[in-house]
Amino acid sequence: MAHVNNFLSEAKLTASMDYPRIVHFIGVAWDSLSDLCVVMEYMEGGDLRTLLTGYEASNHPVGINHEKVIHRDLKSCNILLNHAMEAKVIDFGISRERMDQTMTAGVGTSLWMAPEVMLGEKYDDKADMFSFGVVLSELDVHALPYAQAKENNRDPNGRRMPDAIILQQVAMGRISVAFSESNPMSIAELGKACVSVDPSLRPTAAEALYKLQVALAQELA
C-alpha cells in the first residue's frame, strides 16, 4: 500500500497547486489499485526538453514563489508547453511543502541538481533556483546540461567524461552550465547567478522573475 499512499500524497499536493504556470489538476482515475493515474490538463506542445532536442537536431538558431513548496526536480522534462507555447510546471511527486527548517534528502535528477543536494547537505528553495538556472542554459544552447563539458573533457581513449565525474566537478565549482555569446547579457548573468555554488548568492524566485521581466522588456523595446 506504500505506493498508493505516495500516489495519494502527490495527487493531494498537485490538486492544491492552483497557479497559472503549473499544469492544472483535473482528477484521479483508476480501475484497480494497480492502475491509479492522475488526470492533468492536456499540454499540446509536449515537454521543453523534447522541443530543445528538436531545435538542436535542426541547428535552430541559437512564478515560483506563489506556493510554499520546493519542487526538488525542476528540469526541462518537467516543463510542459501548451498550443500557444506557454510553459507550465508538472511532476510534484518529490516536492515538499517548504518549512522553516532546511532539508537533507538527496532527491531530483542529477544533471539539474544543486551542489548542496548532491553533497547531502542541508538545502532550501535555493536548490530549485539552481535547477532553474540550468533550464535557462538549456533554453540558450538547446543542449543537455554540461554537454559541452563532456565533449571538451575526454580521456586518452576519446571517451567522454562520465556523469559522475562531471557532477563531482560541478559540486566543487569547477564546471558550470554553458551560456552562448549570442544570449542577452542580462539573461546570461541571471542564469550564472542562479547556478552559483553558494546558495546565498542565488536570486530568489521573485528576484529572478523581476530580472527576466526587465530583460524581456528591453529585448522587445
N, C-alpha and C. Protein backbone atom coordinates (compact mmCIF):
# COMPACT_ATOMS: atom_id res chain seq x y z
N MET A 1 0.82 -1.22 0.00
CA MET A 1 0.00 0.00 0.00
C MET A 1 0.85 1.26 0.00
N ALA A 2 2.17 1.10 0.15
CA ALA A 2 3.02 2.28 0.22
C ALA A 2 2.91 3.12 -1.05
N HIS A 3 2.87 2.44 -2.22
CA HIS A 3 2.78 3.18 -3.48
C HIS A 3 1.46 3.92 -3.60
N VAL A 4 0.40 3.35 -3.01
CA VAL A 4 -0.90 4.02 -3.05
C VAL A 4 -0.86 5.28 -2.20
N ASN A 5 -0.25 5.17 -1.01
CA ASN A 5 -0.14 6.35 -0.14
C ASN A 5 0.71 7.43 -0.78
N ASN A 6 1.81 7.03 -1.43
CA ASN A 6 2.65 8.00 -2.13
C ASN A 6 1.89 8.67 -3.26
N PHE A 7 1.12 7.86 -3.99
CA PHE A 7 0.31 8.39 -5.09
C PHE A 7 -0.71 9.41 -4.57
N LEU A 8 -1.39 9.06 -3.49
CA LEU A 8 -2.41 9.95 -2.94
C LEU A 8 -1.79 11.24 -2.40
N SER A 9 -0.59 11.13 -1.83
CA SER A 9 0.10 12.33 -1.34
C SER A 9 0.45 13.26 -2.48
N GLU A 10 0.95 12.68 -3.60
CA GLU A 10 1.28 13.50 -4.76
C GLU A 10 0.02 14.13 -5.35
N ALA A 11 -1.06 13.34 -5.45
CA ALA A 11 -2.31 13.86 -6.01
C ALA A 11 -2.85 15.01 -5.16
N LYS A 12 -2.78 14.85 -3.84
CA LYS A 12 -3.28 15.89 -2.94
C LYS A 12 -2.47 17.17 -3.08
N LEU A 13 -1.14 17.03 -3.14
CA LEU A 13 -0.28 18.20 -3.30
C LEU A 13 -0.52 18.87 -4.64
N THR A 14 -0.61 18.07 -5.70
CA THR A 14 -0.84 18.61 -7.04
C THR A 14 -2.17 19.34 -7.12
N ALA A 15 -3.20 18.79 -6.49
CA ALA A 15 -4.52 19.42 -6.51
C ALA A 15 -4.51 20.77 -5.82
N SER A 16 -3.58 20.96 -4.87
CA SER A 16 -3.52 22.23 -4.14
C SER A 16 -2.79 23.32 -4.92
N MET A 17 -2.14 22.96 -6.03
CA MET A 17 -1.35 23.91 -6.80
C MET A 17 -2.21 24.66 -7.82
N ASP A 18 -2.89 25.66 -7.38
CA ASP A 18 -3.75 26.46 -8.26
C ASP A 18 -2.99 27.70 -8.70
N TYR A 19 -2.24 27.56 -9.80
CA TYR A 19 -1.38 28.65 -10.27
C TYR A 19 -1.30 28.57 -11.79
N PRO A 20 -1.32 29.71 -12.49
CA PRO A 20 -1.36 29.70 -13.97
C PRO A 20 -0.19 28.99 -14.63
N ARG A 21 0.97 28.92 -13.98
CA ARG A 21 2.14 28.32 -14.59
C ARG A 21 2.43 26.92 -14.08
N ILE A 22 1.42 26.30 -13.47
CA ILE A 22 1.52 24.90 -13.07
C ILE A 22 0.40 24.13 -13.77
N VAL A 23 0.73 22.99 -14.35
CA VAL A 23 -0.26 22.20 -15.09
C VAL A 23 -1.45 21.90 -14.20
N HIS A 24 -2.65 22.17 -14.73
CA HIS A 24 -3.89 22.09 -13.95
C HIS A 24 -4.27 20.65 -13.63
N PHE A 25 -4.58 20.41 -12.37
CA PHE A 25 -5.03 19.10 -11.90
C PHE A 25 -6.53 18.95 -12.18
N ILE A 26 -6.92 17.83 -12.82
CA ILE A 26 -8.32 17.59 -13.13
C ILE A 26 -8.93 16.57 -12.18
N GLY A 27 -8.24 15.48 -11.93
CA GLY A 27 -8.78 14.48 -11.02
C GLY A 27 -7.95 13.22 -10.98
N VAL A 28 -8.51 12.19 -10.39
CA VAL A 28 -7.85 10.90 -10.24
C VAL A 28 -8.74 9.82 -10.86
N ALA A 29 -8.13 8.84 -11.51
CA ALA A 29 -8.90 7.75 -12.12
C ALA A 29 -8.21 6.42 -11.84
N TRP A 30 -9.00 5.34 -11.79
CA TRP A 30 -8.45 4.01 -11.57
C TRP A 30 -9.45 2.93 -11.94
N ASP A 31 -8.92 1.78 -12.34
CA ASP A 31 -9.71 0.56 -12.50
C ASP A 31 -9.46 -0.36 -11.31
N SER A 32 -8.23 -0.28 -10.79
CA SER A 32 -7.84 -1.07 -9.62
C SER A 32 -6.69 -0.34 -8.94
N LEU A 33 -6.26 -0.81 -7.78
CA LEU A 33 -5.18 -0.16 -7.04
C LEU A 33 -3.85 -0.23 -7.79
N SER A 34 -3.74 -1.14 -8.74
CA SER A 34 -2.51 -1.23 -9.54
C SER A 34 -2.58 -0.37 -10.79
N ASP A 35 -3.67 0.34 -10.98
CA ASP A 35 -3.88 1.12 -12.20
C ASP A 35 -4.33 2.54 -11.86
N LEU A 36 -3.67 3.16 -10.88
CA LEU A 36 -4.01 4.52 -10.47
C LEU A 36 -3.37 5.52 -11.42
N CYS A 37 -4.06 6.60 -11.70
CA CYS A 37 -3.46 7.66 -12.52
C CYS A 37 -4.06 9.01 -12.16
N VAL A 38 -3.25 10.04 -12.37
CA VAL A 38 -3.69 11.42 -12.18
C VAL A 38 -4.05 11.99 -13.53
N VAL A 39 -5.19 12.64 -13.64
CA VAL A 39 -5.62 13.28 -14.89
C VAL A 39 -5.25 14.75 -14.81
N MET A 40 -4.43 15.18 -15.78
CA MET A 40 -3.94 16.56 -15.79
C MET A 40 -4.39 17.28 -17.06
N GLU A 41 -4.26 18.58 -17.05
CA GLU A 41 -4.52 19.41 -18.22
C GLU A 41 -3.68 18.92 -19.40
N TYR A 42 -4.28 18.84 -20.59
CA TYR A 42 -3.55 18.39 -21.78
C TYR A 42 -2.67 19.52 -22.30
N MET A 43 -1.39 19.23 -22.48
CA MET A 43 -0.43 20.23 -22.96
C MET A 43 0.05 19.80 -24.35
N GLU A 44 -0.52 20.44 -25.38
CA GLU A 44 -0.28 20.02 -26.76
C GLU A 44 1.18 20.11 -27.18
N GLY A 45 1.92 21.02 -26.57
CA GLY A 45 3.28 21.26 -27.02
C GLY A 45 4.30 20.26 -26.51
N GLY A 46 3.89 19.32 -25.65
CA GLY A 46 4.84 18.36 -25.10
C GLY A 46 5.72 19.02 -24.05
N ASP A 47 6.91 18.42 -23.81
CA ASP A 47 7.79 18.99 -22.79
C ASP A 47 8.92 19.79 -23.41
N LEU A 48 9.50 20.67 -22.61
CA LEU A 48 10.52 21.60 -23.08
C LEU A 48 11.76 20.87 -23.58
N ARG A 49 12.15 19.77 -22.92
CA ARG A 49 13.35 19.05 -23.33
C ARG A 49 13.20 18.50 -24.75
N THR A 50 12.03 17.97 -25.09
CA THR A 50 11.79 17.44 -26.43
C THR A 50 11.88 18.56 -27.46
N LEU A 51 11.31 19.72 -27.13
CA LEU A 51 11.38 20.87 -28.04
C LEU A 51 12.83 21.28 -28.28
N LEU A 52 13.62 21.37 -27.21
CA LEU A 52 15.01 21.81 -27.35
C LEU A 52 15.85 20.78 -28.08
N THR A 53 15.56 19.49 -27.89
CA THR A 53 16.27 18.45 -28.63
C THR A 53 16.01 18.59 -30.13
N GLY A 54 14.76 18.91 -30.49
CA GLY A 54 14.43 19.15 -31.89
C GLY A 54 15.16 20.36 -32.44
N TYR A 55 15.26 21.41 -31.62
CA TYR A 55 16.00 22.61 -32.03
C TYR A 55 17.46 22.26 -32.28
N GLU A 56 18.04 21.47 -31.38
CA GLU A 56 19.45 21.11 -31.50
C GLU A 56 19.67 20.27 -32.76
N ALA A 57 18.78 19.33 -33.03
CA ALA A 57 18.93 18.45 -34.20
C ALA A 57 18.80 19.22 -35.51
N SER A 58 17.98 20.28 -35.49
CA SER A 58 17.75 21.04 -36.72
C SER A 58 18.63 22.28 -36.80
N ASN A 59 19.61 22.39 -35.87
CA ASN A 59 20.50 23.56 -35.84
C ASN A 59 19.72 24.86 -35.75
N HIS A 60 18.66 24.86 -34.99
CA HIS A 60 17.84 26.06 -34.79
C HIS A 60 18.70 27.15 -34.14
N PRO A 61 18.62 28.42 -34.66
CA PRO A 61 19.40 29.50 -34.03
C PRO A 61 19.19 29.50 -32.51
N VAL A 62 20.62 29.56 -32.44
CA VAL A 62 20.62 29.50 -31.03
C VAL A 62 19.92 30.76 -30.29
N GLY A 63 7.25 31.85 -11.96
CA GLY A 63 6.34 32.23 -10.90
C GLY A 63 6.38 31.30 -9.71
N ILE A 64 7.36 31.22 -9.20
CA ILE A 64 7.62 30.02 -8.40
C ILE A 64 7.40 30.20 -6.88
N ASN A 65 7.35 31.44 -6.45
CA ASN A 65 7.17 31.70 -5.00
C ASN A 65 5.73 31.68 -4.56
N HIS A 66 4.79 31.43 -5.50
CA HIS A 66 3.37 31.54 -5.17
C HIS A 66 2.97 30.59 -4.06
N GLU A 67 3.40 29.34 -4.13
CA GLU A 67 3.11 28.36 -3.10
C GLU A 67 4.39 28.05 -2.33
N LYS A 68 4.26 27.77 -1.04
CA LYS A 68 5.42 27.46 -0.22
C LYS A 68 5.82 26.00 -0.43
N VAL A 69 6.34 25.71 -1.62
CA VAL A 69 6.70 24.34 -1.98
C VAL A 69 8.06 24.35 -2.67
N ILE A 70 8.91 23.40 -2.30
CA ILE A 70 10.15 23.16 -3.03
C ILE A 70 9.87 22.03 -4.01
N HIS A 71 10.06 22.29 -5.30
CA HIS A 71 9.75 21.28 -6.31
C HIS A 71 10.70 20.09 -6.20
N ARG A 72 12.00 20.36 -6.13
CA ARG A 72 13.07 19.37 -5.94
C ARG A 72 13.37 18.52 -7.17
N ASP A 73 12.68 18.73 -8.28
CA ASP A 73 13.03 18.02 -9.52
C ASP A 73 12.70 18.89 -10.72
N LEU A 74 13.03 20.17 -10.62
CA LEU A 74 12.76 21.10 -11.72
C LEU A 74 13.76 20.85 -12.84
N LYS A 75 13.25 20.56 -14.04
CA LYS A 75 14.09 20.30 -15.21
C LYS A 75 13.23 20.49 -16.45
N SER A 76 13.86 20.51 -17.61
CA SER A 76 13.13 20.79 -18.84
C SER A 76 12.07 19.74 -19.15
N CYS A 77 12.29 18.49 -18.74
CA CYS A 77 11.30 17.44 -18.98
C CYS A 77 10.05 17.63 -18.13
N ASN A 78 10.16 18.40 -17.06
CA ASN A 78 9.02 18.66 -16.19
C ASN A 78 8.39 20.02 -16.44
N ILE A 79 8.69 20.60 -17.59
CA ILE A 79 8.07 21.86 -18.02
C ILE A 79 7.35 21.57 -19.33
N LEU A 80 6.03 21.63 -19.30
CA LEU A 80 5.22 21.31 -20.48
C LEU A 80 4.75 22.57 -21.17
N LEU A 81 4.43 22.42 -22.46
CA LEU A 81 4.06 23.55 -23.30
C LEU A 81 2.68 23.32 -23.90
N ASN A 82 1.82 24.34 -23.86
CA ASN A 82 0.50 24.20 -24.48
C ASN A 82 0.55 24.65 -25.94
N HIS A 83 -0.61 24.76 -26.58
CA HIS A 83 -0.65 25.09 -28.01
C HIS A 83 -0.06 26.46 -28.31
N ALA A 84 -0.10 27.36 -27.32
CA ALA A 84 0.46 28.70 -27.51
C ALA A 84 1.91 28.78 -27.05
N MET A 85 2.51 27.62 -26.76
CA MET A 85 3.89 27.52 -26.28
C MET A 85 4.09 28.22 -24.94
N GLU A 86 3.03 28.26 -24.14
CA GLU A 86 3.13 28.76 -22.78
C GLU A 86 3.59 27.62 -21.88
N ALA A 87 4.53 27.90 -21.02
CA ALA A 87 5.14 26.86 -20.19
C ALA A 87 4.44 26.72 -18.85
N LYS A 88 4.30 25.47 -18.41
CA LYS A 88 3.75 25.19 -17.08
C LYS A 88 4.53 24.03 -16.46
N VAL A 89 4.65 24.07 -15.15
CA VAL A 89 5.42 23.06 -14.41
C VAL A 89 4.54 21.87 -14.05
N ILE A 90 5.15 20.68 -14.09
CA ILE A 90 4.45 19.45 -13.73
C ILE A 90 5.35 18.61 -12.84
N ASP A 91 4.82 17.52 -12.33
CA ASP A 91 5.53 16.48 -11.57
C ASP A 91 5.98 16.97 -10.20
N PHE A 92 5.05 16.96 -9.28
CA PHE A 92 5.36 17.32 -7.90
C PHE A 92 5.50 16.08 -7.03
N GLY A 93 5.90 14.96 -7.65
CA GLY A 93 5.98 13.69 -6.94
C GLY A 93 6.96 13.69 -5.79
N ILE A 94 8.05 14.48 -5.89
CA ILE A 94 9.01 14.52 -4.79
C ILE A 94 9.07 15.90 -4.16
N SER A 95 8.06 16.73 -4.44
CA SER A 95 8.00 18.05 -3.84
C SER A 95 7.67 17.93 -2.36
N ARG A 96 8.04 18.95 -1.63
CA ARG A 96 7.71 19.03 -0.22
C ARG A 96 7.31 20.47 0.10
N GLU A 97 6.33 20.60 0.98
CA GLU A 97 5.98 21.94 1.42
C GLU A 97 7.18 22.53 2.14
N ARG A 98 7.46 23.79 1.84
CA ARG A 98 8.64 24.45 2.39
C ARG A 98 8.43 24.79 3.86
N MET A 99 9.27 24.26 4.71
CA MET A 99 9.20 24.53 6.13
C MET A 99 10.32 25.51 6.51
N ASP A 100 10.32 25.92 7.76
CA ASP A 100 11.37 26.81 8.23
C ASP A 100 12.72 26.11 8.22
N GLN A 101 12.73 24.83 8.60
CA GLN A 101 13.98 24.10 8.60
C GLN A 101 14.33 23.67 7.18
N THR A 102 15.61 23.49 6.93
CA THR A 102 16.05 23.03 5.61
C THR A 102 16.02 21.51 5.57
N MET A 103 16.22 20.95 4.37
CA MET A 103 16.12 19.51 4.16
C MET A 103 17.49 18.93 3.83
N THR A 104 17.57 17.60 3.90
CA THR A 104 18.84 16.94 3.60
C THR A 104 18.70 15.80 2.61
N ALA A 105 17.48 15.32 2.32
CA ALA A 105 17.32 14.18 1.41
C ALA A 105 17.78 14.54 0.01
N GLY A 106 18.65 13.70 -0.58
CA GLY A 106 19.15 13.97 -1.93
C GLY A 106 18.19 13.46 -2.98
N VAL A 107 17.34 14.31 -3.47
CA VAL A 107 16.36 13.89 -4.47
C VAL A 107 16.48 14.79 -5.69
N GLY A 108 15.85 14.36 -6.80
CA GLY A 108 15.91 15.14 -8.02
C GLY A 108 16.74 14.43 -9.07
N THR A 109 16.85 15.03 -10.23
CA THR A 109 17.59 14.44 -11.34
C THR A 109 18.97 15.09 -11.38
N SER A 110 20.02 14.28 -11.41
CA SER A 110 21.38 14.73 -11.11
C SER A 110 21.87 15.90 -11.95
N LEU A 111 21.61 15.91 -13.25
CA LEU A 111 22.15 16.97 -14.10
C LEU A 111 21.57 18.35 -13.78
N TRP A 112 20.44 18.38 -13.12
CA TRP A 112 19.80 19.65 -12.75
C TRP A 112 19.94 19.93 -11.25
N MET A 113 20.63 19.07 -10.55
CA MET A 113 20.68 19.11 -9.09
C MET A 113 21.70 20.11 -8.57
N ALA A 114 21.32 20.84 -7.53
CA ALA A 114 22.21 21.81 -6.90
C ALA A 114 23.34 21.09 -6.16
N PRO A 115 24.52 21.72 -6.06
CA PRO A 115 25.66 21.09 -5.39
C PRO A 115 25.37 20.65 -3.97
N GLU A 116 24.63 21.49 -3.22
CA GLU A 116 24.36 21.13 -1.82
C GLU A 116 23.49 19.89 -1.71
N VAL A 117 22.64 19.66 -2.72
CA VAL A 117 21.81 18.45 -2.73
C VAL A 117 22.67 17.24 -3.08
N MET A 118 23.55 17.41 -4.09
CA MET A 118 24.46 16.32 -4.47
C MET A 118 25.30 15.85 -3.28
N LEU A 119 25.74 16.82 -2.46
CA LEU A 119 26.64 16.52 -1.36
C LEU A 119 25.92 16.08 -0.09
N GLY A 120 24.59 16.01 -0.15
CA GLY A 120 23.83 15.58 1.01
C GLY A 120 23.78 16.61 2.12
N GLU A 121 24.01 17.88 1.77
CA GLU A 121 23.98 18.95 2.76
C GLU A 121 22.56 19.48 2.91
N LYS A 122 22.36 20.33 3.91
CA LYS A 122 21.06 20.95 4.08
C LYS A 122 20.79 21.90 2.92
N TYR A 123 19.55 21.97 2.49
CA TYR A 123 19.19 22.84 1.38
C TYR A 123 17.78 23.39 1.59
N ASP A 124 17.47 24.43 0.80
CA ASP A 124 16.14 25.03 0.86
C ASP A 124 15.68 25.33 -0.56
N ASP A 125 14.79 26.31 -0.73
CA ASP A 125 14.25 26.59 -2.06
C ASP A 125 15.29 27.16 -3.03
N LYS A 126 16.46 27.55 -2.54
CA LYS A 126 17.52 28.00 -3.45
C LYS A 126 18.02 26.84 -4.33
N ALA A 127 17.76 25.60 -3.90
CA ALA A 127 18.11 24.44 -4.74
C ALA A 127 17.29 24.45 -6.02
N ASP A 128 16.02 24.87 -5.93
CA ASP A 128 15.18 25.00 -7.12
C ASP A 128 15.70 26.10 -8.03
N MET A 129 16.25 27.16 -7.45
CA MET A 129 16.77 28.25 -8.27
C MET A 129 18.00 27.79 -9.06
N PHE A 130 18.80 26.90 -8.48
CA PHE A 130 19.92 26.33 -9.23
C PHE A 130 19.39 25.57 -10.44
N SER A 131 18.39 24.74 -10.22
CA SER A 131 17.79 23.97 -11.32
C SER A 131 17.22 24.90 -12.38
N PHE A 132 16.62 26.01 -11.95
CA PHE A 132 16.07 26.99 -12.89
C PHE A 132 17.19 27.58 -13.75
N GLY A 133 18.34 27.85 -13.14
CA GLY A 133 19.47 28.36 -13.90
C GLY A 133 19.94 27.37 -14.95
N VAL A 134 19.91 26.08 -14.61
CA VAL A 134 20.27 25.04 -15.58
C VAL A 134 19.29 25.04 -16.76
N VAL A 135 18.01 25.22 -16.46
CA VAL A 135 16.99 25.28 -17.52
C VAL A 135 17.22 26.51 -18.40
N LEU A 136 17.61 27.64 -17.81
CA LEU A 136 17.92 28.83 -18.61
C LEU A 136 19.05 28.54 -19.59
N SER A 137 20.04 27.77 -19.15
CA SER A 137 21.13 27.37 -20.04
C SER A 137 20.61 26.51 -21.18
N GLU A 138 19.72 25.58 -20.87
CA GLU A 138 19.12 24.73 -21.91
C GLU A 138 18.38 25.57 -22.94
N LEU A 139 17.64 26.56 -22.47
CA LEU A 139 16.90 27.43 -23.39
C LEU A 139 17.86 28.19 -24.30
N ASP A 140 19.04 28.48 -23.81
CA ASP A 140 20.02 29.24 -24.57
C ASP A 140 20.74 28.36 -25.59
N VAL A 141 21.33 27.26 -25.14
CA VAL A 141 22.18 26.46 -26.03
C VAL A 141 21.47 25.23 -26.60
N HIS A 142 20.26 24.92 -26.08
CA HIS A 142 19.42 23.82 -26.58
C HIS A 142 19.97 22.43 -26.29
N ALA A 143 21.08 22.34 -25.60
CA ALA A 143 21.71 21.05 -25.31
C ALA A 143 21.45 20.64 -23.87
N LEU A 144 21.65 19.36 -23.58
CA LEU A 144 21.54 18.88 -22.21
C LEU A 144 22.60 19.54 -21.33
N PRO A 145 22.35 19.66 -20.04
CA PRO A 145 23.33 20.29 -19.14
C PRO A 145 24.70 19.63 -19.22
N TYR A 146 25.73 20.46 -19.27
CA TYR A 146 27.13 20.04 -19.24
C TYR A 146 27.55 19.25 -20.48
N ALA A 147 26.76 19.32 -21.55
CA ALA A 147 27.12 18.60 -22.78
C ALA A 147 28.45 19.09 -23.32
N GLN A 148 28.68 20.41 -23.26
CA GLN A 148 29.93 20.97 -23.77
C GLN A 148 31.12 20.51 -22.92
N ALA A 149 30.92 20.45 -21.61
CA ALA A 149 32.00 19.99 -20.72
C ALA A 149 32.35 18.54 -21.02
N LYS A 150 31.34 17.71 -21.28
CA LYS A 150 31.60 16.30 -21.62
C LYS A 150 32.38 16.19 -22.92
N GLU A 151 32.01 17.03 -23.89
CA GLU A 151 32.66 16.99 -25.20
C GLU A 151 34.10 17.46 -25.11
N ASN A 152 34.35 18.44 -24.26
CA ASN A 152 35.68 19.03 -24.17
C ASN A 152 36.61 18.30 -23.21
N ASN A 153 36.07 17.36 -22.46
CA ASN A 153 36.88 16.63 -21.48
C ASN A 153 36.79 15.13 -21.75
N ARG A 154 37.69 14.65 -22.58
CA ARG A 154 37.72 13.22 -22.95
C ARG A 154 38.99 12.57 -22.41
N ASP A 155 38.91 11.26 -22.16
CA ASP A 155 40.09 10.54 -21.69
C ASP A 155 40.99 10.20 -22.88
N PRO A 156 42.17 9.63 -22.65
CA PRO A 156 43.10 9.31 -23.76
C PRO A 156 42.50 8.42 -24.84
N ASN A 157 41.43 7.68 -24.50
CA ASN A 157 40.78 6.81 -25.48
C ASN A 157 39.64 7.50 -26.22
N GLY A 158 39.47 8.79 -25.94
CA GLY A 158 38.44 9.55 -26.64
C GLY A 158 37.06 9.45 -26.03
N ARG A 159 36.97 8.81 -24.86
CA ARG A 159 35.66 8.67 -24.22
C ARG A 159 35.32 9.92 -23.42
N ARG A 160 34.04 10.28 -23.46
CA ARG A 160 33.60 11.46 -22.73
C ARG A 160 33.68 11.24 -21.23
N MET A 161 33.83 12.34 -20.51
CA MET A 161 33.87 12.27 -19.05
C MET A 161 32.55 11.75 -18.51
N PRO A 162 32.57 10.75 -17.63
CA PRO A 162 31.32 10.20 -17.07
C PRO A 162 30.54 11.24 -16.29
N ASP A 163 29.22 11.03 -16.22
CA ASP A 163 28.37 11.96 -15.48
C ASP A 163 28.82 12.12 -14.04
N ALA A 164 29.25 11.02 -13.41
CA ALA A 164 29.65 11.08 -12.00
C ALA A 164 30.80 12.05 -11.79
N ILE A 165 31.77 12.04 -12.72
CA ILE A 165 32.91 12.96 -12.61
C ILE A 165 32.47 14.38 -12.90
N ILE A 166 31.61 14.54 -13.91
CA ILE A 166 31.08 15.87 -14.23
C ILE A 166 30.41 16.47 -13.01
N LEU A 167 29.54 15.70 -12.36
CA LEU A 167 28.78 16.22 -11.22
C LEU A 167 29.69 16.50 -10.04
N GLN A 168 30.74 15.71 -9.88
CA GLN A 168 31.72 15.98 -8.83
C GLN A 168 32.39 17.33 -9.07
N GLN A 169 32.72 17.60 -10.33
CA GLN A 169 33.34 18.88 -10.69
C GLN A 169 32.35 20.04 -10.51
N VAL A 170 31.08 19.79 -10.81
CA VAL A 170 30.05 20.82 -10.61
C VAL A 170 29.94 21.16 -9.13
N ALA A 171 29.89 20.13 -8.29
CA ALA A 171 29.76 20.34 -6.84
C ALA A 171 30.94 21.12 -6.28
N MET A 172 32.11 20.98 -6.92
CA MET A 172 33.31 21.69 -6.46
C MET A 172 33.45 23.06 -7.11
N GLY A 173 32.51 23.40 -8.00
CA GLY A 173 32.54 24.71 -8.64
C GLY A 173 33.52 24.81 -9.79
N ARG A 174 33.99 23.69 -10.31
CA ARG A 174 34.98 23.70 -11.39
C ARG A 174 34.34 23.65 -12.77
N ILE A 175 33.10 23.19 -12.84
CA ILE A 175 32.36 23.12 -14.10
C ILE A 175 30.99 23.73 -13.89
N SER A 176 30.52 24.45 -14.89
CA SER A 176 29.17 25.02 -14.81
C SER A 176 28.49 24.87 -16.16
N VAL A 177 27.19 25.11 -16.19
CA VAL A 177 26.46 25.05 -17.46
C VAL A 177 26.90 26.19 -18.37
N ALA A 178 26.66 26.02 -19.66
CA ALA A 178 27.13 26.98 -20.65
C ALA A 178 26.05 27.98 -21.04
N PHE A 179 26.50 29.19 -21.37
CA PHE A 179 25.64 30.21 -21.95
C PHE A 179 26.36 30.76 -23.18
N SER A 180 25.62 30.96 -24.27
CA SER A 180 26.23 31.40 -25.52
C SER A 180 26.48 32.90 -25.51
N GLU A 181 27.37 33.33 -26.40
CA GLU A 181 27.67 34.75 -26.52
C GLU A 181 26.51 35.52 -27.13
N SER A 182 25.64 34.81 -27.87
CA SER A 182 24.50 35.47 -28.51
C SER A 182 23.34 35.70 -27.54
N ASN A 183 23.40 35.08 -26.38
CA ASN A 183 22.35 35.24 -25.38
C ASN A 183 22.43 36.65 -24.80
N PRO A 184 21.29 37.33 -24.58
CA PRO A 184 21.34 38.65 -23.93
C PRO A 184 22.14 38.58 -22.63
N MET A 185 23.02 39.55 -22.43
CA MET A 185 23.91 39.52 -21.27
C MET A 185 23.15 39.43 -19.95
N SER A 186 22.02 40.14 -19.86
CA SER A 186 21.27 40.15 -18.61
C SER A 186 20.71 38.76 -18.28
N ILE A 187 20.30 38.02 -19.32
CA ILE A 187 19.78 36.67 -19.11
C ILE A 187 20.91 35.73 -18.71
N ALA A 188 22.06 35.86 -19.38
CA ALA A 188 23.22 35.02 -19.05
C ALA A 188 23.68 35.29 -17.62
N GLU A 189 23.70 36.56 -17.23
CA GLU A 189 24.12 36.91 -15.87
C GLU A 189 23.15 36.34 -14.84
N LEU A 190 21.86 36.38 -15.16
CA LEU A 190 20.87 35.80 -14.25
C LEU A 190 21.08 34.29 -14.13
N GLY A 191 21.28 33.63 -15.27
CA GLY A 191 21.49 32.19 -15.25
C GLY A 191 22.72 31.80 -14.46
N LYS A 192 23.81 32.56 -14.64
CA LYS A 192 25.04 32.27 -13.91
C LYS A 192 24.87 32.51 -12.41
N ALA A 193 24.08 33.52 -12.06
CA ALA A 193 23.81 33.78 -10.64
C ALA A 193 23.00 32.63 -10.04
N CYS A 194 22.05 32.12 -10.82
CA CYS A 194 21.21 31.02 -10.32
C CYS A 194 22.02 29.76 -10.05
N VAL A 195 23.08 29.53 -10.84
CA VAL A 195 23.86 28.30 -10.66
C VAL A 195 25.12 28.55 -9.83
N SER A 196 25.11 29.59 -9.02
CA SER A 196 26.21 29.81 -8.08
C SER A 196 26.33 28.62 -7.14
N VAL A 197 27.55 28.20 -6.85
CA VAL A 197 27.75 27.09 -5.92
C VAL A 197 27.25 27.47 -4.53
N ASP A 198 27.44 28.72 -4.15
CA ASP A 198 26.96 29.22 -2.85
C ASP A 198 25.49 29.59 -2.97
N PRO A 199 24.59 28.88 -2.29
CA PRO A 199 23.16 29.18 -2.40
C PRO A 199 22.79 30.61 -2.04
N SER A 200 23.55 31.23 -1.13
CA SER A 200 23.22 32.59 -0.71
C SER A 200 23.43 33.61 -1.82
N LEU A 201 24.21 33.24 -2.84
CA LEU A 201 24.46 34.14 -3.97
C LEU A 201 23.41 34.02 -5.06
N ARG A 202 22.54 33.02 -4.95
CA ARG A 202 21.48 32.84 -5.95
C ARG A 202 20.32 33.78 -5.67
N PRO A 203 19.66 34.27 -6.72
CA PRO A 203 18.49 35.13 -6.50
C PRO A 203 17.31 34.33 -5.98
N THR A 204 16.38 35.02 -5.36
CA THR A 204 15.11 34.38 -5.02
C THR A 204 14.29 34.26 -6.29
N ALA A 205 13.21 33.52 -6.23
CA ALA A 205 12.33 33.39 -7.39
C ALA A 205 11.76 34.75 -7.79
N ALA A 206 11.40 35.55 -6.79
CA ALA A 206 10.84 36.88 -7.08
C ALA A 206 11.87 37.76 -7.77
N GLU A 207 13.12 37.70 -7.31
CA GLU A 207 14.18 38.50 -7.93
C GLU A 207 14.44 38.03 -9.36
N ALA A 208 14.45 36.71 -9.57
CA ALA A 208 14.67 36.17 -10.91
C ALA A 208 13.55 36.58 -11.85
N LEU A 209 12.31 36.53 -11.36
CA LEU A 209 11.16 36.93 -12.18
C LEU A 209 11.28 38.39 -12.59
N TYR A 210 11.64 39.24 -11.65
CA TYR A 210 11.78 40.67 -11.95
C TYR A 210 12.87 40.90 -13.00
N LYS A 211 14.01 40.24 -12.83
CA LYS A 211 15.11 40.42 -13.78
C LYS A 211 14.74 39.91 -15.17
N LEU A 212 13.99 38.81 -15.23
CA LEU A 212 13.53 38.30 -16.52
C LEU A 212 12.58 39.28 -17.19
N GLN A 213 11.66 39.84 -16.42
CA GLN A 213 10.70 40.79 -16.97
C GLN A 213 11.41 42.03 -17.51
N VAL A 214 12.40 42.52 -16.77
CA VAL A 214 13.17 43.68 -17.22
C VAL A 214 13.94 43.35 -18.49
N ALA A 215 14.60 42.18 -18.50
CA ALA A 215 15.39 41.78 -19.67
C ALA A 215 14.52 41.61 -20.91
N LEU A 216 13.36 40.99 -20.75
CA LEU A 216 12.46 40.78 -21.89
C LEU A 216 11.90 42.10 -22.39
N ALA A 217 11.60 43.01 -21.47
CA ALA A 217 11.10 44.33 -21.86
C ALA A 217 12.14 45.07 -22.68
N GLN A 218 13.40 44.95 -22.28
CA GLN A 218 14.48 45.60 -23.02
C GLN A 218 14.67 44.99 -24.40
N GLU A 219 14.53 43.66 -24.48
CA GLU A 219 14.69 42.97 -25.76
C GLU A 219 13.57 43.33 -26.74
N LEU A 220 12.37 43.55 -26.21
CA LEU A 220 11.21 43.83 -27.06
C LEU A 220 11.03 45.31 -27.35
N ALA A 221 11.82 46.15 -26.66
CA ALA A 221 11.66 47.60 -26.83
C ALA A 221 12.14 48.04 -28.22
